[in-house]
C-alpha atoms as a PDB file:
ATOM      1  CA  UNK A   1       0.000   0.000   0.000  1.00  0.00           C
ATOM      2  CA  UNK A   2       1.035   3.626  -0.475  1.00  0.00           C
ATOM      3  CA  UNK A   3       2.121   5.442   2.669  1.00  0.00           C
ATOM      4  CA  UNK A   4       3.192   9.050   3.204  1.00  0.00           C
ATOM      5  CA  UNK A   5       6.084   9.539   5.626  1.00  0.00           C
ATOM      6  CA  UNK A   6       8.712  12.108   6.553  1.00  0.00           C
ATOM      7  CA  UNK A   7      12.235  11.360   7.633  1.00  0.00           C
ATOM      8  CA  UNK A   8      15.949  12.012   7.942  1.00  0.00           C
ATOM      9  CA  UNK A   9      18.252  10.511   5.301  1.00  0.00           C
ATOM     10  CA  UNK A  10      20.944   8.559   7.146  1.00  0.00           C
ATOM     11  CA  UNK A  11      22.859   7.110   4.204  1.00  0.00           C
ATOM     12  CA  UNK A  12      22.559   6.545   0.458  1.00  0.00           C
ATOM     13  CA  UNK A  13      24.315   3.694  -1.361  1.00  0.00           C
ATOM     14  CA  UNK A  14      24.574   3.253  -5.144  1.00  0.00           C
ATOM     15  CA  UNK A  15      22.770   0.071  -6.209  1.00  0.00           C
ATOM     16  CA  UNK A  16      22.926   0.001  -9.995  1.00  0.00           C
ATOM     17  CA  UNK A  17      23.673   2.344 -12.878  1.00  0.00           C
ATOM     18  CA  UNK A  18      20.498   4.300 -12.171  1.00  0.00           C
ATOM     19  CA  UNK A  19      19.259   3.328  -8.689  1.00  0.00           C
ATOM     20  CA  UNK A  20      20.230   3.875  -5.065  1.00  0.00           C
ATOM     21  CA  UNK A  21      19.258   2.423  -1.708  1.00  0.00           C
ATOM     22  CA  UNK A  22      18.308   5.069   0.835  1.00  0.00           C
ATOM     23  CA  UNK A  23      18.608   4.382   4.561  1.00  0.00           C
ATOM     24  CA  UNK A  24      15.964   6.543   6.253  1.00  0.00           C
ATOM     25  CA  UNK A  25      14.752   7.212   9.787  1.00  0.00           C
ATOM     26  CA  UNK A  26      11.109   8.292   9.695  1.00  0.00           C
ATOM     27  CA  UNK A  27       8.684   9.505  12.309  1.00  0.00           C
ATOM     28  CA  UNK A  28       6.087   6.934  11.276  1.00  0.00           C
ATOM     29  CA  UNK A  29       8.133   3.772  10.616  1.00  0.00           C
ATOM     30  CA  UNK A  30      11.488   4.205  12.340  1.00  0.00           C
ATOM     31  CA  UNK A  31      14.541   3.006  10.441  1.00  0.00           C
ATOM     32  CA  UNK A  32      13.840   1.491   7.009  1.00  0.00           C
ATOM     33  CA  UNK A  33      15.619   1.083   3.672  1.00  0.00           C
ATOM     34  CA  UNK A  34      14.131   2.134   0.330  1.00  0.00           C
ATOM     35  CA  UNK A  35      14.989   1.508  -3.298  1.00  0.00           C
ATOM     36  CA  UNK A  36      14.877   4.681  -5.392  1.00  0.00           C
ATOM     37  CA  UNK A  37      14.919   4.045  -9.143  1.00  0.00           C
ATOM     38  CA  UNK A  38      16.205   6.383 -11.840  1.00  0.00           C
ATOM     39  CA  UNK A  39      18.030   8.741  -9.485  1.00  0.00           C
ATOM     40  CA  UNK A  40      21.308   8.598 -11.393  1.00  0.00           C
ATOM     41  CA  UNK A  41      19.824   9.232 -14.836  1.00  0.00           C
ATOM     42  CA  UNK A  42      20.548  12.635 -16.473  1.00  0.00           C
ATOM     43  CA  UNK A  43      16.892  13.780 -16.438  1.00  0.00           C
ATOM     44  CA  UNK A  44      15.754  12.048 -13.266  1.00  0.00           C
ATOM     45  CA  UNK A  45      12.588  13.330 -11.576  1.00  0.00           C
ATOM     46  CA  UNK A  46      14.094  12.391  -8.213  1.00  0.00           C
ATOM     47  CA  UNK A  47      17.667  13.686  -7.987  1.00  0.00           C
ATOM     48  CA  UNK A  48      20.444  12.273  -5.857  1.00  0.00           C
ATOM     49  CA  UNK A  49      20.808  15.692  -4.217  1.00  0.00           C
ATOM     50  CA  UNK A  50      17.495  15.090  -2.437  1.00  0.00           C
ATOM     51  CA  UNK A  51      18.935  11.956  -0.849  1.00  0.00           C
ATOM     52  CA  UNK A  52      22.131  13.308   0.647  1.00  0.00           C
ATOM     53  CA  UNK A  53      22.769  12.238   4.246  1.00  0.00           C
ATOM     54  CA  UNK A  54      21.261  14.728   6.756  1.00  0.00           C
ATOM     55  CA  UNK A  55      18.467  15.734   4.320  1.00  0.00           C
ATOM     56  CA  UNK A  56      14.930  16.003   5.704  1.00  0.00           C
ATOM     57  CA  UNK A  57      12.376  14.678   3.222  1.00  0.00           C
ATOM     58  CA  UNK A  58       8.728  13.794   2.698  1.00  0.00           C
ATOM     59  CA  UNK A  59       8.078  10.587   0.759  1.00  0.00           C
ATOM     60  CA  UNK A  60       5.297   8.497  -0.673  1.00  0.00           C
ATOM     61  CA  UNK A  61       6.438   4.872  -0.451  1.00  0.00           C
ATOM     62  CA  UNK A  62       5.099   1.468  -1.429  1.00  0.00           C
ATOM     63  CA  UNK A  63       4.976  -0.012   2.065  1.00  0.00           C
ATOM     64  CA  UNK A  64       4.995  -3.725   2.813  1.00  0.00           C
ATOM     65  CA  UNK A  65       5.814  -4.783   6.396  1.00  0.00           C
ATOM     66  CA  UNK A  66       7.088  -8.166   5.218  1.00  0.00           C
ATOM     67  CA  UNK A  67       9.782  -6.670   2.982  1.00  0.00           C
ATOM     68  CA  UNK A  68      13.106  -5.325   4.178  1.00  0.00           C
ATOM     69  CA  UNK A  69      13.420  -3.116   1.102  1.00  0.00           C
ATOM     70  CA  UNK A  70      10.490  -1.046  -0.183  1.00  0.00           C
ATOM     71  CA  UNK A  71      10.267   1.370  -3.106  1.00  0.00           C
ATOM     72  CA  UNK A  72       9.814   5.136  -3.258  1.00  0.00           C
ATOM     73  CA  UNK A  73       7.118   6.639  -5.478  1.00  0.00           C
ATOM     74  CA  UNK A  74       7.601  10.335  -4.694  1.00  0.00           C
ATOM     75  CA  UNK A  75      10.014  12.429  -2.675  1.00  0.00           C
ATOM     76  CA  UNK A  76      10.456  16.121  -1.895  1.00  0.00           C
ATOM     77  CA  UNK A  77      12.294  18.190   0.726  1.00  0.00           C
ATOM     78  CA  UNK A  78      10.475  18.741   4.008  1.00  0.00           C
ATOM     79  CA  UNK A  79      13.091  21.235   5.207  1.00  0.00           C
ATOM     80  CA  UNK A  80      15.777  23.130   3.297  1.00  0.00           C
ATOM     81  CA  UNK A  81      18.873  24.086   5.263  1.00  0.00           C
ATOM     82  CA  UNK A  82      19.697  27.798   5.271  1.00  0.00           C
ATOM     83  CA  UNK A  83      23.100  27.868   7.005  1.00  0.00           C
ATOM     84  CA  UNK A  84      24.636  24.382   7.183  1.00  0.00           C
ATOM     85  CA  UNK A  85      25.491  23.866   3.458  1.00  0.00           C
ATOM     86  CA  UNK A  86      27.410  27.156   3.339  1.00  0.00           C
ATOM     87  CA  UNK A  87      29.448  26.673   6.530  1.00  0.00           C
ATOM     88  CA  UNK A  88      32.131  23.982   6.354  1.00  0.00           C
ATOM     89  CA  UNK A  89      32.327  23.511  10.128  1.00  0.00           C
ATOM     90  CA  UNK A  90      28.563  23.184  10.592  1.00  0.00           C
ATOM     91  CA  UNK A  91      28.288  20.974   7.524  1.00  0.00           C
ATOM     92  CA  UNK A  92      30.851  18.541   8.884  1.00  0.00           C
ATOM     93  CA  UNK A  93      29.272  18.646  12.321  1.00  0.00           C
ATOM     94  CA  UNK A  94      25.934  17.704  10.739  1.00  0.00           C
ATOM     95  CA  UNK A  95      27.613  14.800   8.912  1.00  0.00           C
ATOM     96  CA  UNK A  96      29.128  13.680  12.218  1.00  0.00           C
ATOM     97  CA  UNK A  97      25.703  13.780  13.871  1.00  0.00           C
ATOM     98  CA  UNK A  98      23.970  11.905  11.064  1.00  0.00           C
ATOM     99  CA  UNK A  99      26.671   9.213  10.975  1.00  0.00           C
ATOM    100  CA  UNK A 100      26.268   8.802  14.726  1.00  0.00           C
ATOM    101  CA  UNK A 101      22.505   8.440  14.228  1.00  0.00           C
ATOM    102  CA  UNK A 102      23.057   5.949  11.393  1.00  0.00           C
ATOM    103  CA  UNK A 103      25.350   3.807  13.548  1.00  0.00           C
ATOM    104  CA  UNK A 104      23.116   3.967  16.620  1.00  0.00           C
ATOM    105  CA  UNK A 105      19.546   3.687  15.319  1.00  0.00           C
ATOM    106  CA  UNK A 106      18.380   0.113  14.916  1.00  0.00           C
ATOM    107  CA  UNK A 107      14.679  -0.323  15.563  1.00  0.00           C
ATOM    108  CA  UNK A 108      11.802  -0.202  13.125  1.00  0.00           C
ATOM    109  CA  UNK A 109       8.365   1.061  14.125  1.00  0.00           C
ATOM    110  CA  UNK A 110       7.095   4.511  15.167  1.00  0.00           C
ATOM    111  CA  UNK A 111       9.609   6.484  17.254  1.00  0.00           C
ATOM    112  CA  UNK A 112       8.226  10.004  17.329  1.00  0.00           C
ATOM    113  CA  UNK A 113      10.123  11.081  20.444  1.00  0.00           C
ATOM    114  CA  UNK A 114      13.494  10.065  18.993  1.00  0.00           C
ATOM    115  CA  UNK A 115      12.592  11.597  15.626  1.00  0.00           C
ATOM    116  CA  UNK A 116      11.796  14.912  17.324  1.00  0.00           C
ATOM    117  CA  UNK A 117      15.050  14.668  19.297  1.00  0.00           C
ATOM    118  CA  UNK A 118      17.072  14.468  16.059  1.00  0.00           C
ATOM    119  CA  UNK A 119      15.100  17.247  14.398  1.00  0.00           C
ATOM    120  CA  UNK A 120      15.723  19.692  17.269  1.00  0.00           C
ATOM    121  CA  UNK A 121      19.508  19.282  17.047  1.00  0.00           C
ATOM    122  CA  UNK A 122      19.759  19.622  13.269  1.00  0.00           C
ATOM    123  CA  UNK A 123      17.383  22.573  13.305  1.00  0.00           C
ATOM    124  CA  UNK A 124      19.385  24.332  16.034  1.00  0.00           C
ATOM    125  CA  UNK A 125      22.626  23.794  14.123  1.00  0.00           C
ATOM    126  CA  UNK A 126      21.008  25.506  11.126  1.00  0.00           C
ATOM    127  CA  UNK A 127      20.132  28.676  13.060  1.00  0.00           C
ATOM    128  CA  UNK A 128      22.426  31.651  12.452  1.00  0.00           C
ATOM    129  CA  UNK A 129      22.209  32.838  16.055  1.00  0.00           C
ATOM    130  CA  UNK A 130      22.418  29.366  17.606  1.00  0.00           C
ATOM    131  CA  UNK A 131      24.127  29.801  21.023  1.00  0.00           C
ATOM    132  CA  UNK A 132      27.527  28.110  21.331  1.00  0.00           C
ATOM    133  CA  UNK A 133      26.815  25.784  18.403  1.00  0.00           C
ATOM    134  CA  UNK A 134      30.495  24.733  18.475  1.00  0.00           C
ATOM    135  CA  UNK A 135      29.647  22.538  21.486  1.00  0.00           C
ATOM    136  CA  UNK A 136      26.440  21.135  20.012  1.00  0.00           C
ATOM    137  CA  UNK A 137      28.020  17.871  18.809  1.00  0.00           C
ATOM    138  CA  UNK A 138      29.248  17.204  22.360  1.00  0.00           C
ATOM    139  CA  UNK A 139      25.750  17.651  23.746  1.00  0.00           C
ATOM    140  CA  UNK A 140      24.334  15.512  20.938  1.00  0.00           C
ATOM    141  CA  UNK A 141      26.684  12.551  21.433  1.00  0.00           C
ATOM    142  CA  UNK A 142      25.886  12.518  25.177  1.00  0.00           C
ATOM    143  CA  UNK A 143      22.120  12.866  24.954  1.00  0.00           C
ATOM    144  CA  UNK A 144      21.812  10.505  21.978  1.00  0.00           C
ATOM    145  CA  UNK A 145      23.424   7.843  24.181  1.00  0.00           C
ATOM    146  CA  UNK A 146      20.746   8.625  26.754  1.00  0.00           C
ATOM    147  CA  UNK A 147      18.063   8.154  24.086  1.00  0.00           C
ATOM    148  CA  UNK A 148      19.606   4.771  23.239  1.00  0.00           C
ATOM    149  CA  UNK A 149      19.461   3.808  26.897  1.00  0.00           C
ATOM    150  CA  UNK A 150      23.084   3.635  28.002  1.00  0.00           C
ATOM    151  CA  UNK A 151      23.991   7.034  29.462  1.00  0.00           C
ATOM    152  CA  UNK A 152      24.212   7.671  33.217  1.00  0.00           C
ATOM    153  CA  UNK A 153      22.482  10.238  35.397  1.00  0.00           C
ATOM    154  CA  UNK A 154      24.462  13.312  36.538  1.00  0.00           C
ATOM    155  CA  UNK A 155      26.540  12.834  39.669  1.00  0.00           C
ATOM    156  CA  UNK A 156      29.034  14.638  41.877  1.00  0.00           C
ATOM    157  CA  UNK A 157      31.280  11.538  41.932  1.00  0.00           C
ATOM    158  CA  UNK A 158      34.505  12.275  40.001  1.00  0.00           C
ATOM    159  CA  UNK A 159      34.922   9.263  37.663  1.00  0.00           C
ATOM    160  CA  UNK A 160      32.532   7.840  35.069  1.00  0.00           C
ATOM    161  CA  UNK A 161      32.787   4.032  35.034  1.00  0.00           C
ATOM    162  CA  UNK A 162      30.995   2.903  31.882  1.00  0.00           C
ATOM    163  CA  UNK A 163      31.377  -0.770  32.632  1.00  0.00           C
ATOM    164  CA  UNK A 164      29.104  -0.204  35.641  1.00  0.00           C
ATOM    165  CA  UNK A 165      27.152   2.592  33.933  1.00  0.00           C
ATOM    166  CA  UNK A 166      27.596   5.133  36.720  1.00  0.00           C
ATOM    167  CA  UNK A 167      29.873   7.737  38.270  1.00  0.00           C
ATOM    168  CA  UNK A 168      32.098   6.380  41.052  1.00  0.00           C
ATOM    169  CA  UNK A 169      34.341   7.830  43.750  1.00  0.00           C
ATOM    170  CA  UNK A 170      37.544   5.972  42.867  1.00  0.00           C
ATOM    171  CA  UNK A 171      39.311   5.095  39.622  1.00  0.00           C
ATOM    172  CA  UNK A 172      38.379   1.502  38.632  1.00  0.00           C
ATOM    173  CA  UNK A 173      41.015  -1.164  38.045  1.00  0.00           C
ATOM    174  CA  UNK A 174      39.596  -1.953  34.577  1.00  0.00           C
ATOM    175  CA  UNK A 175      40.106   0.378  31.555  1.00  0.00           C
ATOM    176  CA  UNK A 176      36.425   1.133  30.863  1.00  0.00           C
ATOM    177  CA  UNK A 177      36.192   4.569  32.426  1.00  0.00           C
ATOM    178  CA  UNK A 178      36.695   8.255  31.655  1.00  0.00           C
ATOM    179  CA  UNK A 179      39.473  10.312  33.178  1.00  0.00           C
ATOM    180  CA  UNK A 180      38.433  12.873  35.769  1.00  0.00           C
ATOM    181  CA  UNK A 181      38.333  15.851  33.394  1.00  0.00           C
ATOM    182  CA  UNK A 182      36.157  14.085  30.795  1.00  0.00           C
ATOM    183  CA  UNK A 183      33.930  12.771  33.587  1.00  0.00           C
ATOM    184  CA  UNK A 184      33.355  16.345  34.745  1.00  0.00           C
ATOM    185  CA  UNK A 185      32.529  17.466  31.199  1.00  0.00           C
ATOM    186  CA  UNK A 186      30.082  14.573  30.851  1.00  0.00           C
ATOM    187  CA  UNK A 187      28.377  15.557  34.100  1.00  0.00           C
ATOM    188  CA  UNK A 188      28.079  19.168  32.888  1.00  0.00           C
ATOM    189  CA  UNK A 189      26.624  18.131  29.530  1.00  0.00           C
ATOM    190  CA  UNK A 190      24.084  15.869  31.218  1.00  0.00           C
ATOM    191  CA  UNK A 191      22.883  18.829  33.294  1.00  0.00           C
ATOM    192  CA  UNK A 192      22.841  21.478  30.543  1.00  0.00           C
ATOM    193  CA  UNK A 193      20.097  21.969  27.977  1.00  0.00           C
ATOM    194  CA  UNK A 194      20.920  22.570  24.302  1.00  0.00           C
ATOM    195  CA  UNK A 195      20.344  26.287  24.872  1.00  0.00           C
ATOM    196  CA  UNK A 196      22.790  26.594  27.787  1.00  0.00           C
ATOM    197  CA  UNK A 197      25.932  25.500  25.961  1.00  0.00           C
ATOM    198  CA  UNK A 198      27.460  28.980  26.047  1.00  0.00           C
ATOM    199  CA  UNK A 199      28.259  28.304  29.714  1.00  0.00           C
ATOM    200  CA  UNK A 200      30.490  25.362  28.745  1.00  0.00           C
ATOM    201  CA  UNK A 201      34.019  26.702  28.256  1.00  0.00           C
ATOM    202  CA  UNK A 202      36.204  24.157  26.454  1.00  0.00           C
ATOM    203  CA  UNK A 203      39.215  24.548  24.207  1.00  0.00           C
ATOM    204  CA  UNK A 204      39.814  22.507  21.067  1.00  0.00           C
ATOM    205  CA  UNK A 205      41.951  19.832  22.752  1.00  0.00           C
ATOM    206  CA  UNK A 206      39.448  19.243  25.558  1.00  0.00           C
ATOM    207  CA  UNK A 207      36.598  18.876  23.055  1.00  0.00           C
ATOM    208  CA  UNK A 208      38.613  16.417  20.976  1.00  0.00           C
ATOM    209  CA  UNK A 209      39.637  14.322  23.967  1.00  0.00           C
ATOM    210  CA  UNK A 210      36.069  14.202  25.270  1.00  0.00           C
ATOM    211  CA  UNK A 211      34.661  13.065  21.917  1.00  0.00           C
ATOM    212  CA  UNK A 212      37.290  10.327  21.709  1.00  0.00           C
ATOM    213  CA  UNK A 213      36.342   9.149  25.204  1.00  0.00           C
ATOM    214  CA  UNK A 214      32.688   9.100  24.125  1.00  0.00           C
ATOM    215  CA  UNK A 215      33.533   7.055  21.013  1.00  0.00           C
ATOM    216  CA  UNK A 216      35.153   4.419  23.249  1.00  0.00           C
ATOM    217  CA  UNK A 217      32.045   4.509  25.430  1.00  0.00           C
ATOM    218  CA  UNK A 218      29.805   3.907  22.395  1.00  0.00           C
ATOM    219  CA  UNK A 219      32.111   1.135  21.188  1.00  0.00           C
ATOM    220  CA  UNK A 220      31.680  -0.625  24.526  1.00  0.00           C
ATOM    221  CA  UNK A 221      27.913  -0.780  23.910  1.00  0.00           C
ATOM    222  CA  UNK A 222      27.916  -1.053  20.087  1.00  0.00           C
ATOM    223  CA  UNK A 223      30.580  -3.531  18.860  1.00  0.00           C
ATOM    224  CA  UNK A 224      32.707  -2.371  15.874  1.00  0.00           C
ATOM    225  CA  UNK A 225      31.425   1.186  16.338  1.00  0.00           C
ATOM    226  CA  UNK A 226      33.468   3.844  14.549  1.00  0.00           C
ATOM    227  CA  UNK A 227      32.848   7.317  13.155  1.00  0.00           C
ATOM    228  CA  UNK A 228      34.725   8.123   9.947  1.00  0.00           C
ATOM    229  CA  UNK A 229      33.320  11.660   9.947  1.00  0.00           C
ATOM    230  CA  UNK A 230      35.047  12.399  13.252  1.00  0.00           C
ATOM    231  CA  UNK A 231      38.489  12.349  11.634  1.00  0.00           C
ATOM    232  CA  UNK A 232      37.375  15.130   9.282  1.00  0.00           C
ATOM    233  CA  UNK A 233      35.537  17.181  11.908  1.00  0.00           C
ATOM    234  CA  UNK A 234      38.517  16.909  14.266  1.00  0.00           C
ATOM    235  CA  UNK A 235      40.749  18.591  11.695  1.00  0.00           C
ATOM    236  CA  UNK A 236      38.280  21.432  11.223  1.00  0.00           C
ATOM    237  CA  UNK A 237      37.245  22.250  14.763  1.00  0.00           C
ATOM    238  CA  UNK A 238      37.396  19.385  17.281  1.00  0.00           C
END
């Protein structure tokens, strides 16, 4: 049956000379994959530009619950970025965020709360006057882990032990923990809203080290986890 949905493009993979497979996270159906025919033809009605990762789109799809791969009938933008495409730092931050979403999102089925969570971050990054947007990816990687169910509650204890999933008073004997500085940053980010990030004063090296600690934390929960986009973003801003 035909179904109208809206979603975030997570990834697009070439399938044939004229077709692609689009990995999409939608409000209505969660994470699904779709075949889009004719995209790579010279006069295609649906262009590949519409299916770039981090694009927000509305689609009409041929939906069949029993199939892993459904087809797209129509597609159009649901939101057009105003700032991100013209700012190399924000553009690479958005790619970092969408790759993180692509690696972390697994479930099918309606997930409106998580969909809205993603939308709020990408929308804030696209605002010209967004407060302290340079720390937004730090806030995102922390609170996305919370959405996935493996981030701790804030605590005054000095060390985050991610094997136990909590802050502790003493450094554990095992290697699965943050150092004290990154633990403090994590606690701050857990307490701050997206709109309070101007109060978080971090230099480039501290941001980079914290993200790398968070990547190890994700890898503990998601085997083989890696973020290729981080190597690019790190060179630009950290």
